[in-house]
Amino acid sequence: ALFQLATELPAAFLTRTLGIDITVAVKW
């Protein structure tokens, strides 16, 4: 699920929406 979201959304959006650290979102 994270992999799919990371292909479609910017890291900053993943961070705010999922509450994950920005470095993790960028890596994904």
PDB file of all heavy atoms in Angstrom:
ATOM      1  N   ALA A   1       0.825  -1.205   0.000  1.00  0.00           N
ATOM      2  CA  ALA A   1       0.000   0.000   0.000  1.00  0.00           C
ATOM      3  C   ALA A   1       0.863   1.260   0.000  1.00  0.00           C
ATOM      4  O   ALA A   1       0.609   2.202  -0.757  1.00  0.00           O
ATOM      5  CB  ALA A   1      -0.935  -0.010   1.204  1.00  0.00           C
ATOM      6  N   LEU A   2       1.907   1.289   0.841  1.00  0.00           N
ATOM      7  CA  LEU A   2       2.798   2.439   0.875  1.00  0.00           C
ATOM      8  C   LEU A   2       3.524   2.627  -0.448  1.00  0.00           C
ATOM      9  O   LEU A   2       3.693   3.741  -0.929  1.00  0.00           O
ATOM     10  CB  LEU A   2       3.825   2.285   2.001  1.00  0.00           C
ATOM     11  CG  LEU A   2       3.351   2.674   3.388  1.00  0.00           C
ATOM     12  CD1 LEU A   2       4.368   2.262   4.435  1.00  0.00           C
ATOM     13  CD2 LEU A   2       3.095   4.160   3.468  1.00  0.00           C
ATOM     14  N   PHE A   3       3.957   1.535  -1.037  1.00  0.00           N
ATOM     15  CA  PHE A   3       4.650   1.592  -2.319  1.00  0.00           C
ATOM     16  C   PHE A   3       3.742   2.205  -3.387  1.00  0.00           C
ATOM     17  O   PHE A   3       4.158   3.084  -4.138  1.00  0.00           O
ATOM     18  CB  PHE A   3       5.081   0.172  -2.730  1.00  0.00           C
ATOM     19  CG  PHE A   3       6.043   0.134  -3.871  1.00  0.00           C
ATOM     20  CD1 PHE A   3       7.392   0.295  -3.660  1.00  0.00           C
ATOM     21  CD2 PHE A   3       5.586  -0.070  -5.163  1.00  0.00           C
ATOM     22  CE1 PHE A   3       8.287   0.252  -4.715  1.00  0.00           C
ATOM     23  CE2 PHE A   3       6.461  -0.113  -6.228  1.00  0.00           C
ATOM     24  CZ  PHE A   3       7.822   0.052  -6.000  1.00  0.00           C
ATOM     25  N   GLN A   4       2.505   1.771  -3.425  1.00  0.00           N
ATOM     26  CA  GLN A   4       1.552   2.301  -4.400  1.00  0.00           C
ATOM     27  C   GLN A   4       1.296   3.782  -4.166  1.00  0.00           C
ATOM     28  O   GLN A   4       1.290   4.584  -5.104  1.00  0.00           O
ATOM     29  CB  GLN A   4       0.243   1.522  -4.350  1.00  0.00           C
ATOM     30  CG  GLN A   4      -0.788   1.991  -5.352  1.00  0.00           C
ATOM     31  CD  GLN A   4      -0.331   1.830  -6.793  1.00  0.00           C
ATOM     32  OE1 GLN A   4       0.333   0.867  -7.143  1.00  0.00           O
ATOM     33  NE2 GLN A   4      -0.675   2.778  -7.633  1.00  0.00           N
ATOM     34  N   LEU A   5       1.078   4.169  -2.931  1.00  0.00           N
ATOM     35  CA  LEU A   5       0.857   5.575  -2.623  1.00  0.00           C
ATOM     36  C   LEU A   5       2.072   6.425  -2.988  1.00  0.00           C
ATOM     37  O   LEU A   5       1.929   7.532  -3.502  1.00  0.00           O
ATOM     38  CB  LEU A   5       0.537   5.757  -1.140  1.00  0.00           C
ATOM     39  CG  LEU A   5      -0.852   5.329  -0.699  1.00  0.00           C
ATOM     40  CD1 LEU A   5      -0.949   5.378   0.825  1.00  0.00           C
ATOM     41  CD2 LEU A   5      -1.910   6.217  -1.325  1.00  0.00           C
ATOM     42  N   ALA A   6       3.262   5.893  -2.754  1.00  0.00           N
ATOM     43  CA  ALA A   6       4.487   6.634  -3.045  1.00  0.00           C
ATOM     44  C   ALA A   6       4.675   6.872  -4.540  1.00  0.00           C
ATOM     45  O   ALA A   6       5.347   7.825  -4.926  1.00  0.00           O
ATOM     46  CB  ALA A   6       5.697   5.899  -2.475  1.00  0.00           C
ATOM     47  N   THR A   7       4.079   6.037  -5.373  1.00  0.00           N
ATOM     48  CA  THR A   7       4.181   6.266  -6.820  1.00  0.00           C
ATOM     49  C   THR A   7       3.243   7.368  -7.272  1.00  0.00           C
ATOM     50  O   THR A   7       3.456   7.949  -8.330  1.00  0.00           O
ATOM     51  CB  THR A   7       3.858   4.994  -7.637  1.00  0.00           C
ATOM     52  OG1 THR A   7       2.494   4.632  -7.422  1.00  0.00           O
ATOM     53  CG2 THR A   7       4.769   3.852  -7.294  1.00  0.00           C
ATOM     54  N   GLU A   8       2.234   7.670  -6.467  1.00  0.00           N
ATOM     55  CA  GLU A   8       1.183   8.588  -6.898  1.00  0.00           C
ATOM     56  C   GLU A   8       1.161   9.930  -6.180  1.00  0.00           C
ATOM     57  O   GLU A   8       0.563  10.880  -6.687  1.00  0.00           O
ATOM     58  CB  GLU A   8      -0.183   7.921  -6.713  1.00  0.00           C
ATOM     59  CG  GLU A   8      -0.341   6.662  -7.521  1.00  0.00           C
ATOM     60  CD  GLU A   8      -1.643   5.936  -7.232  1.00  0.00           C
ATOM     61  OE1 GLU A   8      -2.506   6.505  -6.543  1.00  0.00           O
ATOM     62  OE2 GLU A   8      -1.787   4.806  -7.701  1.00  0.00           O
ATOM     63  N   LEU A   9       1.767  10.011  -5.008  1.00  0.00           N
ATOM     64  CA  LEU A   9       1.654  11.223  -4.187  1.00  0.00           C
ATOM     65  C   LEU A   9       3.025  11.746  -3.787  1.00  0.00           C
ATOM     66  O   LEU A   9       3.959  10.975  -3.602  1.00  0.00           O
ATOM     67  CB  LEU A   9       0.850  10.916  -2.920  1.00  0.00           C
ATOM     68  CG  LEU A   9      -0.563  10.401  -3.134  1.00  0.00           C
ATOM     69  CD1 LEU A   9      -1.148   9.915  -1.821  1.00  0.00           C
ATOM     70  CD2 LEU A   9      -1.429  11.491  -3.740  1.00  0.00           C
ATOM     71  N   PRO A  10       3.137  13.055  -3.592  1.00  0.00           N
ATOM     72  CA  PRO A  10       4.404  13.624  -3.127  1.00  0.00           C
ATOM     73  C   PRO A  10       4.691  13.214  -1.682  1.00  0.00           C
ATOM     74  O   PRO A  10       3.779  12.966  -0.897  1.00  0.00           O
ATOM     75  CB  PRO A  10       4.192  15.130  -3.242  1.00  0.00           C
ATOM     76  CG  PRO A  10       2.740  15.342  -3.363  1.00  0.00           C
ATOM     77  CD  PRO A  10       2.129  14.072  -3.877  1.00  0.00           C
ATOM     78  N   ALA A  11       5.972  13.165  -1.356  1.00  0.00           N
ATOM     79  CA  ALA A  11       6.393  12.746  -0.020  1.00  0.00           C
ATOM     80  C   ALA A  11       5.775  13.614   1.073  1.00  0.00           C
ATOM     81  O   ALA A  11       5.374  13.104   2.121  1.00  0.00           O
ATOM     82  CB  ALA A  11       7.910  12.760   0.078  1.00  0.00           C
ATOM     83  N   ALA A  12       5.686  14.909   0.831  1.00  0.00           N
ATOM     84  CA  ALA A  12       5.112  15.802   1.842  1.00  0.00           C
ATOM     85  C   ALA A  12       3.659  15.450   2.139  1.00  0.00           C
ATOM     86  O   ALA A  12       3.214  15.512   3.288  1.00  0.00           O
ATOM     87  CB  ALA A  12       5.209  17.254   1.372  1.00  0.00           C
ATOM     88  N   PHE A  13       2.931  15.059   1.136  1.00  0.00           N
ATOM     89  CA  PHE A  13       1.537  14.665   1.333  1.00  0.00           C
ATOM     90  C   PHE A  13       1.463  13.361   2.132  1.00  0.00           C
ATOM     91  O   PHE A  13       0.633  13.218   3.029  1.00  0.00           O
ATOM     92  CB  PHE A  13       0.849  14.494  -0.026  1.00  0.00           C
ATOM     93  CG  PHE A  13      -0.622  14.261   0.080  1.00  0.00           C
ATOM     94  CD1 PHE A  13      -1.492  15.320   0.261  1.00  0.00           C
ATOM     95  CD2 PHE A  13      -1.148  12.976   0.009  1.00  0.00           C
ATOM     96  CE1 PHE A  13      -2.858  15.109   0.382  1.00  0.00           C
ATOM     97  CE2 PHE A  13      -2.500  12.755   0.122  1.00  0.00           C
ATOM     98  CZ  PHE A  13      -3.365  13.829   0.305  1.00  0.00           C
ATOM     99  N   LEU A  14       2.342  12.414   1.821  1.00  0.00           N
ATOM    100  CA  LEU A  14       2.382  11.160   2.578  1.00  0.00           C
ATOM    101  C   LEU A  14       2.682  11.428   4.052  1.00  0.00           C
ATOM    102  O   LEU A  14       2.086  10.825   4.937  1.00  0.00           O
ATOM    103  CB  LEU A  14       3.434  10.213   2.002  1.00  0.00           C
ATOM    104  CG  LEU A  14       3.185   9.666   0.611  1.00  0.00           C
ATOM    105  CD1 LEU A  14       4.390   8.884   0.125  1.00  0.00           C
ATOM    106  CD2 LEU A  14       1.942   8.804   0.586  1.00  0.00           C
ATOM    107  N   THR A  15       3.601  12.349   4.288  1.00  0.00           N
ATOM    108  CA  THR A  15       3.988  12.681   5.655  1.00  0.00           C
ATOM    109  C   THR A  15       2.807  13.231   6.446  1.00  0.00           C
ATOM    110  O   THR A  15       2.522  12.771   7.543  1.00  0.00           O
ATOM    111  CB  THR A  15       5.133  13.720   5.641  1.00  0.00           C
ATOM    112  OG1 THR A  15       6.257  13.131   4.998  1.00  0.00           O
ATOM    113  CG2 THR A  15       5.524  14.144   7.027  1.00  0.00           C
ATOM    114  N   ARG A  16       2.126  14.209   5.865  1.00  0.00           N
ATOM    115  CA  ARG A  16       0.991  14.825   6.570  1.00  0.00           C
ATOM    116  C   ARG A  16      -0.179  13.859   6.719  1.00  0.00           C
ATOM    117  O   ARG A  16      -0.837  13.822   7.749  1.00  0.00           O
ATOM    118  CB  ARG A  16       0.529  16.078   5.830  1.00  0.00           C
ATOM    119  CG  ARG A  16       1.452  17.259   5.999  1.00  0.00           C
ATOM    120  CD  ARG A  16       0.827  18.535   5.481  1.00  0.00           C
ATOM    121  NE  ARG A  16       0.388  18.418   4.100  1.00  0.00           N
ATOM    122  CZ  ARG A  16       1.117  18.733   3.032  1.00  0.00           C
ATOM    123  NH1 ARG A  16       2.336  19.183   3.197  1.00  0.00           N
ATOM    124  NH2 ARG A  16       0.628  18.617   1.824  1.00  0.00           N
ATOM    125  N   THR A  17      -0.442  13.088   5.697  1.00  0.00           N
ATOM    126  CA  THR A  17      -1.613  12.220   5.704  1.00  0.00           C
ATOM    127  C   THR A  17      -1.421  10.985   6.569  1.00  0.00           C
ATOM    128  O   THR A  17      -2.318  10.593   7.315  1.00  0.00           O
ATOM    129  CB  THR A  17      -1.962  11.789   4.269  1.00  0.00           C
ATOM    130  OG1 THR A  17      -2.093  12.954   3.467  1.00  0.00           O
ATOM    131  CG2 THR A  17      -3.244  11.002   4.221  1.00  0.00           C
ATOM    132  N   LEU A  18      -0.262  10.355   6.443  1.00  0.00           N
ATOM    133  CA  LEU A  18      -0.029   9.093   7.151  1.00  0.00           C
ATOM    134  C   LEU A  18       0.706   9.256   8.472  1.00  0.00           C
ATOM    135  O   LEU A  18       0.808   8.313   9.251  1.00  0.00           O
ATOM    136  CB  LEU A  18       0.767   8.140   6.250  1.00  0.00           C
ATOM    137  CG  LEU A  18       0.122   7.807   4.908  1.00  0.00           C
ATOM    138  CD1 LEU A  18       1.045   6.918   4.085  1.00  0.00           C
ATOM    139  CD2 LEU A  18      -1.229   7.152   5.099  1.00  0.00           C
ATOM    140  N   GLY A  19       1.255  10.452   8.699  1.00  0.00           N
ATOM    141  CA  GLY A  19       1.974  10.691   9.948  1.00  0.00           C
ATOM    142  C   GLY A  19       3.334  10.023   9.994  1.00  0.00           C
ATOM    143  O   GLY A  19       3.850   9.754  11.080  1.00  0.00           O
ATOM    144  N   ILE A  20       3.923   9.764   8.824  1.00  0.00           N
ATOM    145  CA  ILE A  20       5.259   9.160   8.806  1.00  0.00           C
ATOM    146  C   ILE A  20       6.302  10.264   8.639  1.00  0.00           C
ATOM    147  O   ILE A  20       6.006  11.360   8.165  1.00  0.00           O
ATOM    148  CB  ILE A  20       5.406   8.098   7.688  1.00  0.00           C
ATOM    149  CG1 ILE A  20       5.155   8.709   6.307  1.00  0.00           C
ATOM    150  CG2 ILE A  20       4.487   6.925   7.938  1.00  0.00           C
ATOM    151  CD1 ILE A  20       5.345   7.727   5.156  1.00  0.00           C
ATOM    152  N   ASP A  21       7.508   9.993   9.042  1.00  0.00           N
ATOM    153  CA  ASP A  21       8.593  10.954   8.941  1.00  0.00           C
ATOM    154  C   ASP A  21       8.888  11.266   7.479  1.00  0.00           C
ATOM    155  O   ASP A  21       8.791  10.388   6.621  1.00  0.00           O
ATOM    156  CB  ASP A  21       9.841  10.382   9.632  1.00  0.00           C
ATOM    157  CG  ASP A  21      10.926  11.423   9.749  1.00  0.00           C
ATOM    158  OD1 ASP A  21      10.859  12.234  10.686  1.00  0.00           O
ATOM    159  OD2 ASP A  21      11.828  11.418   8.894  1.00  0.00           O
ATOM    160  N   ILE A  22       9.274  12.502   7.197  1.00  0.00           N
ATOM    161  CA  ILE A  22       9.529  12.919   5.825  1.00  0.00           C
ATOM    162  C   ILE A  22      10.651  12.095   5.186  1.00  0.00           C
ATOM    163  O   ILE A  22      10.587  11.769   4.003  1.00  0.00           O
ATOM    164  CB  ILE A  22       9.828  14.440   5.736  1.00  0.00           C
ATOM    165  CG1 ILE A  22       9.931  14.897   4.276  1.00  0.00           C
ATOM    166  CG2 ILE A  22      11.092  14.796   6.495  1.00  0.00           C
ATOM    167  CD1 ILE A  22       8.654  14.836   3.501  1.00  0.00           C
ATOM    168  N   THR A  23      11.669  11.727   5.972  1.00  0.00           N
ATOM    169  CA  THR A  23      12.766  10.940   5.392  1.00  0.00           C
ATOM    170  C   THR A  23      12.272   9.564   4.953  1.00  0.00           C
ATOM    171  O   THR A  23      12.710   9.040   3.935  1.00  0.00           O
ATOM    172  CB  THR A  23      13.941  10.784   6.381  1.00  0.00           C
ATOM    173  OG1 THR A  23      13.464  10.207   7.594  1.00  0.00           O
ATOM    174  CG2 THR A  23      14.604  12.122   6.659  1.00  0.00           C
ATOM    175  N   VAL A  24      11.355   9.004   5.712  1.00  0.00           N
ATOM    176  CA  VAL A  24      10.763   7.710   5.347  1.00  0.00           C
ATOM    177  C   VAL A  24       9.928   7.861   4.081  1.00  0.00           C
ATOM    178  O   VAL A  24      10.019   7.048   3.152  1.00  0.00           O
ATOM    179  CB  VAL A  24       9.911   7.144   6.503  1.00  0.00           C
ATOM    180  CG1 VAL A  24       9.175   5.888   6.076  1.00  0.00           C
ATOM    181  CG2 VAL A  24      10.781   6.879   7.715  1.00  0.00           C
ATOM    182  N   ALA A  25       9.137   8.920   4.027  1.00  0.00           N
ATOM    183  CA  ALA A  25       8.296   9.158   2.849  1.00  0.00           C
ATOM    184  C   ALA A  25       9.143   9.355   1.598  1.00  0.00           C
ATOM    185  O   ALA A  25       8.824   8.829   0.525  1.00  0.00           O
ATOM    186  CB  ALA A  25       7.400  10.367   3.085  1.00  0.00           C
ATOM    187  N   VAL A  26      10.235  10.081   1.724  1.00  0.00           N
ATOM    188  CA  VAL A  26      11.131  10.309   0.580  1.00  0.00           C
ATOM    189  C   VAL A  26      11.762   8.993   0.136  1.00  0.00           C
ATOM    190  O   VAL A  26      11.857   8.709  -1.062  1.00  0.00           O
ATOM    191  CB  VAL A  26      12.202  11.367   0.923  1.00  0.00           C
ATOM    192  CG1 VAL A  26      13.297  11.412  -0.129  1.00  0.00           C
ATOM    193  CG2 VAL A  26      11.554  12.734   1.075  1.00  0.00           C
ATOM    194  N   LYS A  27      12.173   8.169   1.087  1.00  0.00           N
ATOM    195  CA  LYS A  27      12.754   6.865   0.732  1.00  0.00           C
ATOM    196  C   LYS A  27      11.747   5.999  -0.012  1.00  0.00           C
ATOM    197  O   LYS A  27      12.074   5.341  -0.989  1.00  0.00           O
ATOM    198  CB  LYS A  27      13.261   6.141   1.984  1.00  0.00           C
ATOM    199  CG  LYS A  27      14.530   6.722   2.535  1.00  0.00           C
ATOM    200  CD  LYS A  27      14.965   5.981   3.789  1.00  0.00           C
ATOM    201  CE  LYS A  27      16.191   6.634   4.391  1.00  0.00           C
ATOM    202  NZ  LYS A  27      16.631   5.970   5.613  1.00  0.00           N
ATOM    203  N   TRP A  28      10.505   5.982   0.468  1.00  0.00           N
ATOM    204  CA  TRP A  28       9.471   5.207  -0.211  1.00  0.00           C
ATOM    205  C   TRP A  28       9.250   5.731  -1.625  1.00  0.00           C
ATOM    206  O   TRP A  28       9.114   4.975  -2.573  1.00  0.00           O
ATOM    207  CB  TRP A  28       8.154   5.250   0.570  1.00  0.00           C
ATOM    208  CG  TRP A  28       8.073   4.194   1.617  1.00  0.00           C
ATOM    209  CD1 TRP A  28       8.262   4.336   2.954  1.00  0.00           C
ATOM    210  CD2 TRP A  28       7.806   2.804   1.409  1.00  0.00           C
ATOM    211  NE1 TRP A  28       8.126   3.129   3.584  1.00  0.00           N
ATOM    212  CE2 TRP A  28       7.842   2.174   2.659  1.00  0.00           C
ATOM    213  CE3 TRP A  28       7.531   2.038   0.276  1.00  0.00           C
ATOM    214  CZ2 TRP A  28       7.621   0.817   2.814  1.00  0.00           C
ATOM    215  CZ3 TRP A  28       7.308   0.682   0.439  1.00  0.00           C
ATOM    216  CH2 TRP A  28       7.360   0.093   1.696  1.00  0.00           C
TER     217      TRP A  28
END
